[in-house]
Amino acid sequence: MKIKSYQLYKVPPRWVFLKIETDEGIVGWGEPVVEGRADTVIAAVHELMQMLLDKDPRFIEDHWNTLYRGGFYRGGPILMSALSGIDQALWDIKGKALGVPVHELLGGKCREQIDVYSWIGGDEPKVVVEEIRKVIDRGFKTVKINGTERLKYIDSYQEIDCLLERMGMIRDTFGNSINVGIDFHGRVHKPMAKILVKKLEEYNPIFIEEPLLSENMEGIVELARQTSIPIALGERLFSRWDFKKVLESRAVDIIQPDVSHAGGITECRKIAAMAEAYDVAIALHCPLGPIALAACLQVDAVSYNAAIQEQSLGIHYNTSNDLLDYISNADIFAYSEGMVKIPEGPGLGIEVNEKYVIEMSERGHDWHNPIWRHRDGSIAEW
């Protein structure tokens, strides 16, 4: 079997799909994208794929190392995201060629299903409660909310008070029957983060995500000493070498590699195994499309320490198109009682609606994250 061609499709709301074709007619799909840098990743995929044309797609480990180590410069969001989508597609091909799901090739599943969570939009407490009711009605038992908007190094307590009000209303309405994660998106600096972790403990969040940016690991170590709330991070880390420092810090309880950013299925499987040795859970980051989610579930299936899975159904980014629009077997992601089953079909287990993908790629997208500034005009973390 040889790789004969590939196609890239930039589709709304903010995704890129990669199709790799073989001379035996077997096709694999991947999702290589950095949100807001789609065209840059597409250029990187074109460069990397030149090394794979006419090669046997089944030698995935060798291809991964060739694409990673074959260039003098390596790592980072662009190259690793390009590599991630290619890796997903190669696993999809291999599973289809053998007629088995990817997780069977990774050692066999250790679970039938996994908990999932849904992102909740809105900053008004009543709006948040209404949105939680909607996702509960759809079967979810865990939600994630935004922590704060922009915060300067030293700021007023207004944003803190707003978050505490939201958490207070959530607990008054639902008690502890709903699990709540809080995502700070790296918007907070250490002086304000110290205040937040202290005040949030009484509301029992299941984790706080990126209370500081990952590059400030010494600050995260300090925060971990001050709180009993589990700390999660990792969506902006891109390899096992990035996560090595995090795990060695002993400060993080949940890591969140992204299968479309951190080297694909091959690398995220290794990252998960590393984390298990430190008794750290994984909760794979995935605010992306159906191919990325299917790839995540293959890793979840074989990772004992996989605790919960992010997914993008109904997320605020998905205004024009949503998670299920691009696949023919949408029931593959049927959520029930807050869980989703592990796909059992060959390869990634999804059937991409290629006709619709091609149609929507003609529309494309030009998604970029907003640029925030503080009142003094300085740039703010988004």
Protein backbone atom coordinates (compact mmCIF):
# COMPACT_ATOMS: atom_id res chain seq x y z
CA MET A 1 0.00 0.00 0.00
CA LYS A 2 1.28 3.47 -0.90
CA ILE A 3 0.15 7.04 -0.22
CA LYS A 4 -0.76 8.49 -3.59
CA SER A 5 -2.40 11.87 -2.84
CA TYR A 6 -3.98 14.11 -0.25
CA GLN A 7 -6.47 16.99 -0.04
CA LEU A 8 -7.01 19.74 2.52
CA TYR A 9 -10.36 21.35 3.25
CA LYS A 10 -10.78 24.52 5.31
CA VAL A 11 -14.37 24.41 6.54
CA PRO A 12 -16.52 26.51 8.87
CA PRO A 13 -16.72 27.25 11.69
CA ARG A 14 -12.88 27.16 12.13
CA TRP A 15 -11.61 23.71 11.19
CA VAL A 16 -9.28 22.07 8.66
CA PHE A 17 -9.81 18.49 7.44
CA LEU A 18 -7.10 16.40 5.78
CA LYS A 19 -7.86 13.46 3.49
CA ILE A 20 -5.02 11.05 2.64
CA GLU A 21 -5.65 8.58 -0.22
CA THR A 22 -3.83 5.32 -0.93
CA ASP A 23 -3.32 3.35 -4.13
CA GLU A 24 -5.62 0.65 -2.72
CA GLY A 25 -8.53 3.07 -2.39
CA ILE A 26 -8.39 3.30 1.42
CA VAL A 27 -8.81 6.84 2.69
CA GLY A 28 -7.83 8.33 6.04
CA TRP A 29 -9.03 11.56 7.64
CA GLY A 30 -7.30 13.91 10.09
CA GLU A 31 -7.90 17.34 11.56
CA PRO A 32 -4.75 19.52 11.46
CA VAL A 33 -5.48 23.05 12.64
CA VAL A 34 -4.47 25.77 15.04
CA GLU A 35 -7.52 27.86 15.73
CA GLY A 36 -6.85 31.24 14.13
CA ARG A 37 -3.80 30.02 12.19
CA ALA A 38 -5.46 27.63 9.74
CA ASP A 39 -3.62 28.80 6.63
CA THR A 40 -0.25 28.56 8.35
CA VAL A 41 -0.93 24.96 9.38
CA ILE A 42 -2.14 24.13 5.86
CA ALA A 43 1.21 25.34 4.49
CA ALA A 44 3.03 23.14 7.01
CA VAL A 45 0.93 20.09 6.03
CA HIS A 46 1.88 20.62 2.39
CA GLU A 47 5.57 20.67 3.33
CA LEU A 48 5.38 17.58 5.54
CA MET A 49 3.29 15.51 3.14
CA GLN A 50 6.04 15.70 0.52
CA MET A 51 8.01 13.29 2.72
CA LEU A 52 5.17 10.75 2.75
CA LEU A 53 4.04 10.51 -0.87
CA ASP A 54 4.65 7.00 -2.28
CA LYS A 55 5.41 5.70 1.24
CA ASP A 56 3.54 2.85 2.96
CA PRO A 57 1.11 4.58 5.37
CA ARG A 58 1.17 1.71 7.86
CA PHE A 59 4.63 2.49 9.29
CA ILE A 60 3.20 5.18 11.55
CA GLU A 61 5.91 5.31 14.19
CA ASP A 62 8.64 5.74 11.59
CA HIS A 63 6.62 8.37 9.72
CA TRP A 64 6.02 10.28 12.98
CA ASN A 65 9.73 10.34 13.76
CA THR A 66 10.61 11.30 10.20
CA LEU A 67 8.21 14.24 10.23
CA TYR A 68 9.29 15.33 13.72
CA ARG A 69 13.02 14.68 13.62
CA GLY A 70 13.55 15.13 9.88
CA GLY A 71 13.66 18.91 10.22
CA PHE A 72 16.29 20.74 12.23
CA TYR A 73 13.57 22.88 13.86
CA ARG A 74 10.77 21.03 15.56
CA GLY A 75 7.90 21.35 17.99
CA GLY A 76 5.58 24.28 18.51
CA PRO A 77 1.92 24.75 17.60
CA ILE A 78 2.21 24.91 13.81
CA LEU A 79 4.49 21.97 13.03
CA MET A 80 2.97 19.74 15.72
CA SER A 81 -0.59 20.50 14.62
CA ALA A 82 0.29 19.67 11.03
CA LEU A 83 1.91 16.45 12.21
CA SER A 84 -1.12 15.71 14.40
CA GLY A 85 -3.61 15.73 11.54
CA ILE A 86 -1.36 13.57 9.38
CA ASP A 87 -0.91 11.08 12.22
CA GLN A 88 -4.69 10.82 12.76
CA ALA A 89 -5.22 10.10 9.07
CA LEU A 90 -2.52 7.41 9.05
CA TRP A 91 -4.13 5.63 11.99
CA ASP A 92 -7.51 5.89 10.24
CA ILE A 93 -6.03 4.21 7.16
CA LYS A 94 -4.36 1.44 9.15
CA GLY A 95 -7.50 0.66 11.11
CA LYS A 96 -9.60 0.57 7.95
CA ALA A 97 -7.04 -1.63 6.17
CA LEU A 98 -7.24 -4.17 9.01
CA GLY A 99 -10.97 -3.73 9.60
CA VAL A 100 -10.58 -2.75 13.27
CA PRO A 101 -10.91 0.43 15.36
CA VAL A 102 -7.69 2.27 16.15
CA HIS A 103 -8.00 1.49 19.85
CA GLU A 104 -7.69 -2.22 19.09
CA LEU A 105 -4.33 -1.52 17.46
CA LEU A 106 -3.23 0.42 20.57
CA GLY A 107 -3.74 -2.55 22.87
CA GLY A 108 -7.50 -2.76 23.17
CA LYS A 109 -9.95 -0.62 25.06
CA CYS A 110 -10.08 -0.52 28.85
CA ARG A 111 -13.50 1.21 28.93
CA GLU A 112 -16.75 1.14 26.97
CA GLN A 113 -17.54 4.84 27.36
CA ILE A 114 -16.22 8.00 28.94
CA ASP A 115 -17.65 11.03 30.72
CA VAL A 116 -17.94 14.16 28.60
CA TYR A 117 -18.48 17.79 29.49
CA SER A 118 -20.12 20.72 27.77
CA TRP A 119 -18.96 24.32 27.66
CA ILE A 120 -21.41 26.89 29.06
CA GLY A 121 -21.45 30.42 27.68
CA GLY A 122 -22.60 33.64 29.28
CA ASP A 123 -21.45 35.75 32.19
CA GLU A 124 -24.80 36.57 33.82
CA PRO A 125 -25.58 34.10 36.63
CA LYS A 126 -29.18 33.56 35.46
CA VAL A 127 -28.01 32.94 31.89
CA VAL A 128 -25.44 30.41 33.12
CA VAL A 129 -28.11 28.56 35.12
CA GLU A 130 -30.44 28.48 32.11
CA GLU A 131 -27.65 27.14 29.87
CA ILE A 132 -26.79 24.45 32.44
CA ARG A 133 -30.42 23.33 32.47
CA LYS A 134 -30.28 22.94 28.68
CA VAL A 135 -27.20 20.74 28.74
CA ILE A 136 -28.56 18.69 31.64
CA ASP A 137 -31.62 18.04 29.47
CA ARG A 138 -29.22 16.76 26.78
CA GLY A 139 -27.72 14.30 29.27
CA PHE A 140 -24.59 16.11 30.45
CA LYS A 141 -23.57 16.00 34.10
CA THR A 142 -20.39 18.09 33.88
CA VAL A 143 -20.01 21.62 32.53
CA LYS A 144 -17.20 24.10 32.12
CA ILE A 145 -17.61 27.85 32.52
CA ASN A 146 -15.38 30.83 31.89
CA GLY A 147 -13.61 32.14 34.95
CA THR A 148 -13.09 35.83 34.26
CA GLU A 149 -12.70 38.28 31.43
CA ARG A 150 -9.46 40.25 31.11
CA LEU A 151 -7.54 40.89 34.32
CA LYS A 152 -4.48 43.05 34.86
CA TYR A 153 -1.67 41.93 37.16
CA ILE A 154 -3.43 43.78 39.96
CA ASP A 155 -7.10 44.46 39.40
CA SER A 156 -10.35 45.18 41.21
CA TYR A 157 -12.42 42.46 42.84
CA GLN A 158 -15.30 43.07 40.42
CA GLU A 159 -14.49 40.13 38.13
CA ILE A 160 -13.83 37.92 41.14
CA ASP A 161 -17.18 38.87 42.66
CA CYS A 162 -18.93 38.08 39.35
CA LEU A 163 -17.40 34.59 39.25
CA LEU A 164 -18.30 33.92 42.87
CA GLU A 165 -21.86 35.04 42.18
CA ARG A 166 -22.12 32.63 39.23
CA MET A 167 -20.72 29.73 41.24
CA GLY A 168 -22.98 30.58 44.17
CA MET A 169 -26.08 30.53 42.01
CA ILE A 170 -25.00 27.25 40.36
CA ARG A 171 -24.58 25.57 43.74
CA ASP A 172 -27.80 27.08 45.12
CA THR A 173 -29.70 25.78 42.10
CA PHE A 174 -28.10 22.40 41.47
CA GLY A 175 -26.18 21.63 44.64
CA ASN A 176 -23.34 19.21 43.92
CA SER A 177 -25.41 17.24 41.40
CA ILE A 178 -23.60 18.98 38.56
CA ASN A 179 -19.81 19.04 38.22
CA VAL A 180 -18.28 22.40 37.29
CA GLY A 181 -14.87 23.09 35.80
CA ILE A 182 -13.65 26.69 35.60
CA ASP A 183 -11.48 27.80 32.70
CA PHE A 184 -9.28 30.86 33.31
CA HIS A 185 -7.78 30.62 29.81
CA GLY A 186 -4.44 31.92 31.05
CA ARG A 187 -6.00 35.39 31.50
CA VAL A 188 -5.01 35.68 35.15
CA HIS A 189 -1.62 36.64 36.58
CA LYS A 190 -0.27 35.33 39.86
CA PRO A 191 -1.35 38.18 42.21
CA MET A 192 -5.04 37.77 41.27
CA ALA A 193 -4.84 33.98 40.89
CA LYS A 194 -3.80 33.67 44.54
CA ILE A 195 -7.01 35.42 45.56
CA LEU A 196 -9.20 33.37 43.22
CA VAL A 197 -8.04 29.92 44.30
CA LYS A 198 -8.65 30.78 47.94
CA LYS A 199 -12.18 32.09 47.41
CA LEU A 200 -13.30 29.33 45.02
CA GLU A 201 -12.67 26.38 47.33
CA GLU A 202 -16.07 26.55 49.04
CA TYR A 203 -17.83 26.03 45.67
CA ASN A 204 -16.18 22.65 44.95
CA PRO A 205 -15.11 23.03 41.30
CA ILE A 206 -13.80 19.76 39.87
CA PHE A 207 -10.85 21.64 38.39
CA ILE A 208 -9.51 25.07 37.54
CA GLU A 209 -8.01 25.24 34.07
CA GLU A 210 -5.01 27.37 33.16
CA PRO A 211 -5.12 29.52 36.31
CA LEU A 212 -1.81 30.79 34.92
CA LEU A 213 -0.24 30.26 31.54
CA SER A 214 1.73 27.03 31.21
CA GLU A 215 5.00 28.90 30.79
CA ASN A 216 4.64 30.18 34.37
CA MET A 217 5.11 26.77 35.95
CA GLU A 218 6.85 28.17 39.03
CA GLY A 219 3.70 30.20 39.71
CA ILE A 220 1.49 27.14 39.23
CA VAL A 221 3.65 25.25 41.71
CA GLU A 222 3.04 28.05 44.20
CA LEU A 223 -0.73 28.03 43.56
CA ALA A 224 -0.87 24.25 44.01
CA ARG A 225 0.51 24.66 47.52
CA GLN A 226 -2.29 27.11 48.36
CA THR A 227 -5.36 25.19 47.18
CA SER A 228 -7.01 21.79 47.27
CA ILE A 229 -8.75 22.42 43.94
CA PRO A 230 -7.33 20.20 41.17
CA ILE A 231 -5.33 22.20 38.61
CA ALA A 232 -5.61 21.40 34.91
CA LEU A 233 -3.60 22.65 31.93
CA GLY A 234 -1.94 21.55 28.74
CA GLU A 235 -3.89 22.70 25.69
CA ARG A 236 -0.95 24.94 24.75
CA LEU A 237 1.71 22.26 25.13
CA PHE A 238 2.74 20.25 22.11
CA SER A 239 4.85 17.20 22.93
CA ARG A 240 5.87 14.74 25.62
CA TRP A 241 8.91 16.96 26.24
CA ASP A 242 6.66 19.92 27.05
CA PHE A 243 4.59 17.77 29.41
CA LYS A 244 7.68 16.27 31.02
CA LYS A 245 8.35 19.56 32.84
CA VAL A 246 4.73 19.81 33.97
CA LEU A 247 4.67 16.29 35.35
CA GLU A 248 7.99 16.71 37.12
CA SER A 249 6.63 19.82 38.86
CA ARG A 250 4.08 17.65 40.77
CA ALA A 251 1.77 20.69 40.72
CA VAL A 252 -0.81 19.66 38.12
CA ASP A 253 -3.56 17.09 38.67
CA ILE A 254 -5.08 16.91 35.17
CA ILE A 255 -3.30 17.39 31.86
CA GLN A 256 -5.13 18.40 28.70
CA PRO A 257 -3.13 17.59 25.56
CA ASP A 258 -4.95 18.20 22.29
CA VAL A 259 -4.86 15.36 19.75
CA SER A 260 -4.88 17.97 16.95
CA HIS A 261 -2.02 19.98 18.47
CA ALA A 262 0.19 17.62 20.51
CA GLY A 263 1.41 15.16 17.89
CA GLY A 264 -1.77 13.24 17.17
CA ILE A 265 -2.78 9.82 18.45
CA THR A 266 0.81 8.54 18.52
CA GLU A 267 2.13 11.28 20.79
CA CYS A 268 -0.93 11.74 23.00
CA ARG A 269 -0.91 8.03 23.78
CA LYS A 270 2.66 8.42 25.05
CA ILE A 271 1.82 11.59 27.00
CA ALA A 272 -1.07 9.78 28.69
CA ALA A 273 1.20 6.90 29.70
CA MET A 274 3.75 9.34 31.13
CA ALA A 275 1.03 11.04 33.17
CA GLU A 276 -0.23 7.75 34.58
CA ALA A 277 3.20 7.14 36.10
CA TYR A 278 2.72 10.39 38.06
CA ASP A 279 -0.89 9.53 39.05
CA VAL A 280 -2.09 12.44 36.90
CA ALA A 281 -5.36 12.25 34.97
CA ILE A 282 -5.86 13.24 31.33
CA ALA A 283 -8.81 15.19 29.97
CA LEU A 284 -8.03 15.64 26.29
CA HIS A 285 -8.67 19.15 24.98
CA CYS A 286 -11.09 19.16 22.03
CA PRO A 287 -13.15 22.26 21.13
CA LEU A 288 -12.79 21.13 17.50
CA GLY A 289 -14.56 18.98 14.93
CA PRO A 290 -15.69 15.37 14.62
CA ILE A 291 -12.42 13.94 13.33
CA ALA A 292 -10.51 15.35 16.30
CA LEU A 293 -13.13 14.04 18.74
CA ALA A 294 -13.05 10.57 17.18
CA ALA A 295 -9.25 10.58 17.52
CA CYS A 296 -9.53 11.64 21.16
CA LEU A 297 -11.88 8.76 21.92
CA GLN A 298 -9.38 6.26 20.51
CA VAL A 299 -6.80 7.53 23.02
CA ASP A 300 -9.37 7.65 25.82
CA ALA A 301 -10.27 4.03 25.12
CA VAL A 302 -6.79 2.75 25.93
CA SER A 303 -5.70 5.23 28.62
CA TYR A 304 -6.55 4.08 32.13
CA ASN A 305 -6.11 7.63 33.48
CA ALA A 306 -8.51 9.25 30.98
CA ALA A 307 -10.98 11.00 33.29
CA ILE A 308 -13.29 13.05 31.07
CA GLN A 309 -13.51 14.22 27.46
CA GLU A 310 -14.14 17.72 26.14
CA GLN A 311 -16.36 18.05 23.07
CA SER A 312 -17.69 20.97 21.05
CA LEU A 313 -21.38 20.25 20.46
CA GLY A 314 -23.19 23.57 20.86
CA ILE A 315 -20.06 25.52 21.80
CA HIS A 316 -20.24 29.24 21.06
CA TYR A 317 -17.68 29.01 18.24
CA ASN A 318 -19.95 26.71 16.24
CA THR A 319 -22.33 29.33 14.90
CA SER A 320 -22.45 28.30 11.23
CA ASN A 321 -21.72 24.58 11.55
CA ASP A 322 -21.62 22.17 14.45
CA LEU A 323 -19.90 18.95 15.47
CA LEU A 324 -22.24 16.51 13.73
CA ASP A 325 -22.70 18.33 10.42
CA TYR A 326 -19.74 16.77 8.62
CA ILE A 327 -20.32 13.07 9.37
CA SER A 328 -22.88 10.62 8.03
CA ASN A 329 -23.05 8.47 11.16
CA ALA A 330 -23.90 11.25 13.62
CA ASP A 331 -25.25 8.70 16.11
CA ILE A 332 -21.63 7.71 16.81
CA PHE A 333 -21.52 10.61 19.30
CA ALA A 334 -24.86 9.90 20.97
CA TYR A 335 -24.47 11.24 24.51
CA SER A 336 -26.30 9.39 27.27
CA GLU A 337 -26.25 10.10 31.00
CA GLY A 338 -23.24 12.35 30.61
CA MET A 339 -21.15 9.83 28.69
CA VAL A 340 -20.26 8.94 25.10
CA LYS A 341 -19.48 5.46 23.85
CA ILE A 342 -16.12 4.57 22.34
CA PRO A 343 -16.50 4.23 18.53
CA GLU A 344 -16.29 0.63 17.30
CA GLY A 345 -16.08 1.15 13.54
CA PRO A 346 -12.83 0.59 11.61
CA GLY A 347 -10.19 3.30 11.84
CA LEU A 348 -11.45 6.35 13.70
CA GLY A 349 -14.99 5.00 13.48
CA ILE A 350 -16.58 7.98 11.74
CA GLU A 351 -17.93 8.32 8.21
CA VAL A 352 -17.00 11.74 6.83
CA ASN A 353 -19.61 13.27 4.52
CA GLU A 354 -17.08 14.20 1.88
CA LYS A 355 -19.60 15.79 -0.46
CA TYR A 356 -20.67 18.22 2.25
CA VAL A 357 -17.04 18.84 3.28
CA ILE A 358 -16.19 19.85 -0.29
CA GLU A 359 -19.27 22.06 -0.49
CA MET A 360 -18.46 23.89 2.75
CA SER A 361 -14.77 24.21 1.89
CA GLU A 362 -15.82 26.50 -0.94
CA ARG A 363 -17.16 28.81 1.75
CA GLY A 364 -14.16 28.26 4.03
CA HIS A 365 -13.54 30.47 7.04
CA ASP A 366 -11.29 33.24 8.28
CA TRP A 367 -11.62 32.71 12.02
CA HIS A 368 -9.26 34.59 14.34
CA ASN A 369 -9.54 35.08 18.07
CA PRO A 370 -10.44 38.59 19.22
CA ILE A 371 -7.76 41.01 20.35
CA TRP A 372 -8.43 42.32 23.84
CA ARG A 373 -6.94 45.42 25.45
CA HIS A 374 -7.05 46.79 28.97
CA ARG A 375 -8.41 50.24 29.72
CA ASP A 376 -4.88 51.63 29.61
CA GLY A 377 -4.46 50.39 26.03
CA SER A 378 -2.08 47.51 26.78
CA ILE A 379 -2.74 44.10 25.26
CA ALA A 380 -4.75 41.64 27.35
CA GLU A 381 -4.68 37.85 27.35
CA TRP A 382 -7.67 36.37 25.50
